[in-house]
Protein backbone atom coordinates (compact mmCIF):
# COMPACT_ATOMS: atom_id res chain seq x y z
CA UNK A 1 0.00 0.00 0.00
CA UNK A 2 0.89 3.65 0.16
CA UNK A 3 3.36 4.81 2.79
CA UNK A 4 5.11 8.02 3.72
CA UNK A 5 8.83 8.29 2.96
CA UNK A 6 10.33 11.23 4.88
CA UNK A 7 13.60 11.15 2.90
CA UNK A 8 11.78 11.36 -0.42
CA UNK A 9 9.56 14.15 0.89
CA UNK A 10 12.61 16.06 2.13
CA UNK A 11 14.40 15.65 -1.20
CA UNK A 12 11.35 16.87 -3.16
CA UNK A 13 11.05 19.84 -0.83
CA UNK A 14 14.73 20.71 -1.26
CA UNK A 15 14.43 20.52 -5.04
CA UNK A 16 11.37 22.76 -5.02
CA UNK A 17 13.05 25.29 -2.72
CA UNK A 18 16.20 25.37 -4.86
CA UNK A 19 14.12 25.99 -7.99
CA UNK A 20 12.20 28.75 -6.24
CA UNK A 21 15.45 30.29 -5.00
CA UNK A 22 16.96 30.35 -8.50
CA UNK A 23 13.79 31.88 -9.91
CA UNK A 24 13.81 34.58 -7.25
CA UNK A 25 17.51 35.23 -7.79
CA UNK A 26 17.28 35.80 -11.54
CA UNK A 27 13.73 37.16 -11.53
CA UNK A 28 12.57 34.65 -14.15
CA UNK A 29 10.12 31.87 -13.37
CA UNK A 30 11.27 29.97 -16.46
CA UNK A 31 14.95 30.11 -15.54
CA UNK A 32 15.31 26.31 -15.28
CA UNK A 33 13.60 25.77 -18.62
CA UNK A 34 15.87 28.27 -20.33
CA UNK A 35 18.90 26.68 -18.71
CA UNK A 36 17.91 23.26 -20.09
CA UNK A 37 17.43 24.67 -23.59
CA UNK A 38 20.76 26.47 -23.50
CA UNK A 39 22.52 23.22 -22.63
CA UNK A 40 21.53 21.79 -26.00
CA UNK A 41 23.90 22.70 -28.78
CA UNK A 42 22.83 24.26 -32.09
CA UNK A 43 22.40 21.82 -34.99
CA UNK A 44 21.71 18.98 -32.57
CA UNK A 45 18.77 17.92 -34.77
CA UNK A 46 20.91 16.73 -37.71
CA UNK A 47 23.25 14.93 -35.31
CA UNK A 48 20.28 13.20 -33.70
CA UNK A 49 18.79 12.05 -37.01
CA UNK A 50 22.22 10.83 -38.16
CA UNK A 51 22.76 8.77 -35.00
CA UNK A 52 19.25 7.30 -35.05
CA UNK A 53 18.76 6.47 -38.75
CA UNK A 54 22.22 6.55 -40.28
CA UNK A 55 23.28 8.24 -43.50
CA UNK A 56 20.57 6.72 -45.70
CA UNK A 57 17.82 7.53 -43.23
CA UNK A 58 19.11 11.08 -42.87
CA UNK A 59 18.99 11.61 -46.63
CA UNK A 60 15.40 10.34 -46.82
CA UNK A 61 14.42 12.52 -43.87
CA UNK A 62 15.97 15.61 -45.46
CA UNK A 63 14.15 14.81 -48.72
CA UNK A 64 10.89 14.40 -46.82
CA UNK A 65 11.29 17.76 -45.07
CA UNK A 66 12.23 19.54 -48.29
CA UNK A 67 9.25 18.04 -50.13
CA UNK A 68 6.93 18.98 -47.29
CA UNK A 69 8.08 22.61 -47.30
CA UNK A 70 7.86 22.79 -51.09
CA UNK A 71 4.34 21.33 -51.05
CA UNK A 72 3.16 23.88 -48.48
CA UNK A 73 4.75 26.76 -50.41
CA UNK A 74 3.39 25.61 -53.77
CA UNK A 75 -0.09 25.18 -52.33
CA UNK A 76 -0.06 28.83 -51.26
CA UNK A 77 1.41 30.29 -54.45
CA UNK A 78 -0.83 28.25 -56.79
CA UNK A 79 -3.99 29.52 -55.10
CA UNK A 80 -5.54 32.86 -55.94
CA UNK A 81 -5.31 35.29 -52.99
CA UNK A 82 -9.10 35.49 -52.68
CA UNK A 83 -9.36 31.68 -52.52
CA UNK A 84 -6.64 30.93 -49.95
CA UNK A 85 -8.17 29.00 -47.05
CA UNK A 86 -7.30 29.24 -43.34
CA UNK A 87 -6.05 25.64 -43.44
CA UNK A 88 -3.41 26.56 -46.02
CA UNK A 89 -2.16 29.52 -44.00
CA UNK A 90 -2.23 27.58 -40.73
CA UNK A 91 -0.34 24.60 -42.20
CA UNK A 92 2.26 26.83 -43.85
CA UNK A 93 2.81 28.82 -40.64
CA UNK A 94 3.39 25.64 -38.61
CA UNK A 95 5.33 23.39 -40.99
CA UNK A 96 8.05 25.84 -42.02
CA UNK A 97 9.12 26.83 -38.45
CA UNK A 98 9.02 23.20 -37.29
CA UNK A 99 11.31 22.01 -40.09
CA UNK A 100 13.65 24.99 -39.74
CA UNK A 101 13.78 24.60 -35.97
CA UNK A 102 14.68 20.92 -36.23
CA UNK A 103 17.78 21.56 -38.33
CA UNK A 104 18.88 25.01 -37.17
CA UNK A 105 18.34 24.82 -33.41
CA UNK A 106 17.71 21.30 -32.16
CA UNK A 107 15.24 18.56 -32.84
CA UNK A 108 13.99 15.16 -31.77
CA UNK A 109 12.34 12.74 -34.18
CA UNK A 110 9.37 11.61 -32.11
CA UNK A 111 8.27 15.12 -31.21
CA UNK A 112 8.84 16.32 -34.78
CA UNK A 113 6.65 13.66 -36.39
CA UNK A 114 3.92 14.04 -33.77
CA UNK A 115 3.69 17.75 -34.52
CA UNK A 116 4.24 17.80 -38.29
CA UNK A 117 2.60 14.68 -39.73
CA UNK A 118 -1.01 15.51 -38.73
CA UNK A 119 -0.61 18.97 -40.26
CA UNK A 120 0.80 17.53 -43.49
CA UNK A 121 -2.00 14.97 -43.77
CA UNK A 122 -4.66 17.62 -43.21
CA UNK A 123 -3.10 19.89 -45.84
CA UNK A 124 -2.93 17.05 -48.36
CA UNK A 125 -6.53 15.99 -47.80
CA UNK A 126 -7.80 19.57 -47.98
CA UNK A 127 -6.07 20.10 -51.32
CA UNK A 128 -7.01 16.70 -52.72
CA UNK A 129 -10.71 16.97 -52.07
CA UNK A 130 -11.21 20.45 -53.58
CA UNK A 131 -14.64 20.30 -52.13
CA UNK A 132 -17.39 22.50 -53.50
CA UNK A 133 -20.02 22.79 -50.78
CA UNK A 134 -23.32 24.53 -50.42
CA UNK A 135 -21.99 27.60 -48.61
CA UNK A 136 -20.06 28.82 -51.65
CA UNK A 137 -21.58 31.61 -53.68
CA UNK A 138 -22.30 30.97 -57.36
CA UNK A 139 -19.39 33.21 -58.28
CA UNK A 140 -16.86 30.93 -56.59
CA UNK A 141 -16.67 28.55 -59.53
CA UNK A 142 -13.34 27.99 -61.27
CA UNK A 143 -12.95 27.78 -65.00
CA UNK A 144 -11.76 24.42 -66.27
CA UNK A 145 -12.78 22.36 -63.23
CA UNK A 146 -15.01 19.54 -64.46
CA UNK A 147 -14.58 17.03 -61.64
CA UNK A 148 -15.17 17.86 -58.01
CA UNK A 149 -16.80 16.66 -54.81
CA UNK A 150 -20.10 18.18 -53.77
CA UNK A 151 -21.19 18.37 -50.14
CA UNK A 152 -24.95 18.24 -49.62
CA UNK A 153 -27.60 17.10 -47.19
CA UNK A 154 -27.40 13.37 -46.35
CA UNK A 155 -28.78 10.83 -48.84
CA UNK A 156 -29.48 13.32 -51.63
CA UNK A 157 -27.21 11.94 -54.33
CA UNK A 158 -29.92 10.22 -56.42
CA UNK A 159 -32.26 13.20 -56.18
CA UNK A 160 -29.59 15.66 -57.25
CA UNK A 161 -28.55 13.41 -60.14
CA UNK A 162 -32.18 13.06 -61.28
CA UNK A 163 -32.73 16.82 -61.14
CA UNK A 164 -29.60 17.65 -63.15
CA UNK A 165 -30.51 14.92 -65.66
CA UNK A 166 -33.94 16.54 -66.03
CA UNK A 167 -32.36 19.95 -66.66
CA UNK A 168 -29.98 18.56 -69.27
CA UNK A 169 -32.84 16.69 -70.96
CA UNK A 170 -34.76 19.96 -71.29
CA UNK A 171 -31.65 21.56 -72.82
CA UNK A 172 -31.18 18.50 -75.06
CA UNK A 173 -27.50 18.05 -74.24
CA UNK A 174 -25.75 15.09 -75.79
CA UNK A 175 -22.82 15.09 -73.37
CA UNK A 176 -24.44 14.72 -69.95
CA UNK A 177 -22.99 15.36 -66.52
CA UNK A 178 -22.29 12.36 -64.32
CA UNK A 179 -22.73 12.00 -60.57
CA UNK A 180 -22.15 9.22 -58.07
CA UNK A 181 -21.93 8.49 -54.34
CA UNK A 182 -18.84 8.30 -52.15
CA UNK A 183 -18.26 6.53 -48.85
CA UNK A 184 -20.00 9.42 -47.07
CA UNK A 185 -23.72 9.89 -47.58
CA UNK A 186 -23.41 13.68 -47.70
CA UNK A 187 -20.66 13.86 -50.34
CA UNK A 188 -21.01 12.97 -54.02
CA UNK A 189 -18.61 13.17 -56.95
CA UNK A 190 -19.62 15.12 -60.04
CA UNK A 191 -18.21 15.20 -63.56
CA UNK A 192 -19.68 18.27 -65.18
CA UNK A 193 -20.53 18.29 -68.86
CA UNK A 194 -18.15 20.42 -70.87
CA UNK A 195 -21.17 22.39 -72.06
CA UNK A 196 -21.60 23.86 -68.58
CA UNK A 197 -17.94 24.81 -68.22
CA UNK A 198 -17.66 26.52 -71.61
CA UNK A 199 -18.67 29.94 -70.19
CA UNK A 200 -18.57 31.53 -66.75
CA UNK A 201 -22.31 32.32 -66.81
CA UNK A 202 -23.22 28.67 -67.42
CA UNK A 203 -20.89 27.58 -64.64
CA UNK A 204 -22.52 30.09 -62.31
CA UNK A 205 -26.02 28.86 -63.16
CA UNK A 206 -24.93 25.24 -62.69
CA UNK A 207 -23.91 25.93 -59.08
CA UNK A 208 -27.36 27.46 -58.49
CA UNK A 209 -29.04 24.40 -59.97
CA UNK A 210 -27.01 22.16 -57.64
CA UNK A 211 -28.47 24.07 -54.71
CA UNK A 212 -31.98 23.68 -56.07
CA UNK A 213 -31.44 19.97 -56.77
CA UNK A 214 -31.16 19.23 -53.05
CA UNK A 215 -34.86 20.09 -52.66
CA UNK A 216 -36.05 17.81 -55.46
CA UNK A 217 -38.28 14.85 -54.56
CA UNK A 218 -38.37 12.29 -57.34
CA UNK A 219 -41.40 10.50 -55.86
CA UNK A 220 -43.61 13.59 -56.01
CA UNK A 221 -41.76 15.06 -59.00
CA UNK A 222 -41.75 18.58 -57.58
CA UNK A 223 -39.41 19.80 -60.31
CA UNK A 224 -40.95 23.24 -60.69
CA UNK A 225 -41.01 23.82 -56.94
CA UNK A 226 -37.41 22.66 -56.51
CA UNK A 227 -36.23 24.75 -59.46
CA UNK A 228 -37.18 27.95 -57.65
CA UNK A 229 -36.65 26.75 -54.09
CA UNK A 230 -33.58 28.91 -53.43
CA UNK A 231 -33.19 32.66 -53.32
CA UNK A 232 -30.66 32.55 -56.15
CA UNK A 233 -33.09 30.96 -58.63
CA UNK A 234 -36.29 32.56 -57.33
CA UNK A 235 -34.98 36.11 -57.73
CA UNK A 236 -33.73 35.29 -61.25
CA UNK A 237 -36.82 33.34 -62.36
CA UNK A 238 -37.37 35.13 -65.72
CA UNK A 239 -33.77 34.44 -66.73
CA UNK A 240 -33.90 30.80 -65.59
CA UNK A 241 -37.08 30.16 -67.59
CA UNK A 242 -35.70 31.83 -70.68
CA UNK A 243 -32.46 29.86 -70.39
CA UNK A 244 -34.36 26.56 -70.18
CA UNK A 245 -36.36 27.58 -73.25
CA UNK A 246 -33.14 27.26 -75.23
CA UNK A 247 -31.80 30.80 -75.04
CA UNK A 248 -28.48 29.72 -73.61
CA UNK A 249 -26.10 32.26 -75.14
CA UNK A 250 -25.28 35.14 -72.79
CA UNK A 251 -24.43 38.43 -74.49
CA UNK A 252 -23.70 40.58 -71.44
CA UNK A 253 -20.40 41.42 -69.78
CA UNK A 254 -21.14 41.08 -66.06
CA UNK A 255 -20.00 37.84 -64.41
CA UNK A 256 -22.21 35.83 -62.09
CA UNK A 257 -25.76 34.71 -62.81
CA UNK A 258 -27.25 36.12 -59.62
CA UNK A 259 -25.46 39.47 -59.85
CA UNK A 260 -26.65 39.95 -63.42
CA UNK A 261 -30.26 38.79 -63.23
CA UNK A 262 -31.40 39.29 -59.62
CA UNK A 263 -34.77 41.05 -59.47
CA UNK A 264 -34.51 41.57 -63.22
CA UNK A 265 -37.44 41.71 -65.59
CA UNK A 266 -38.26 39.54 -68.55
CA UNK A 267 -37.01 42.28 -70.85
CA UNK A 268 -33.54 42.05 -69.32
CA UNK A 269 -33.47 38.28 -69.81
CA UNK A 270 -34.70 38.63 -73.40
CA UNK A 271 -31.97 41.14 -74.15
CA UNK A 272 -29.07 39.21 -72.60
CA UNK A 273 -30.08 35.59 -73.27
CA UNK A 274 -30.46 34.61 -76.92
CA UNK A 275 -30.45 31.49 -79.04
CA UNK A 276 -26.99 29.94 -79.52
CA UNK A 277 -25.28 30.39 -82.84
CA UNK A 278 -24.94 26.62 -83.19
CA UNK A 279 -26.81 23.74 -81.60
CA UNK A 280 -25.38 22.72 -78.20
CA UNK A 281 -23.74 19.34 -78.66
CA UNK A 282 -21.03 19.27 -75.99
């Protein structure tokens, strides 16, 4: 059982009093911590990795660190300033100092991997998914992106696919968009028809239609209700109807479906949406 050891208690008390005395003497409560850090020599990290893994392991570790820093830097510089996410900034701000600190000051493998690997994995997954979710505005689309993941309400994949298929049937598109489930019931993959990505206005409208598609019920076939179930489509109803009538060529200059047609009249839609010069085949 538990018992009282006076010698151990006296030793602990002496240690505590000596620490308190040193702190009072130098006026720094972290004096012992600073003393421990100062005992470690600069560049101890490379020496540690060399002793633990050998020359080959050190080379692979250096390559890993260099690749990690390059990946974080490239992820920042390849993203438009307005589209940089907090995850990118956070990962960049943590990875670079950790790697530099390991080699320049001192480092220890276990602590390094515990701190860096989760950040690297999160950064990789965030970039790999390129998720387009329902909180994005219709103007957030990116030209040239035809495959992406779409986050929606649970178990809506079939309904969304049926709604988009109905839209593309009305427009008589030969190359149809494709959609399928993933391992998560609130995320689906989408391959957008090249017809939608050919102009920025079509891409903008497609994101609005994806919002509307979440409210479609195939059993009751509430297509008309779902089509104007969001503020983005309801406030641009004349333009949406004219577009679905086959007037799919936009002649205006403003970007963004909602910005151009919100609260607009039928005359505005008739002026800016006209019949295409050639039949839509792609």
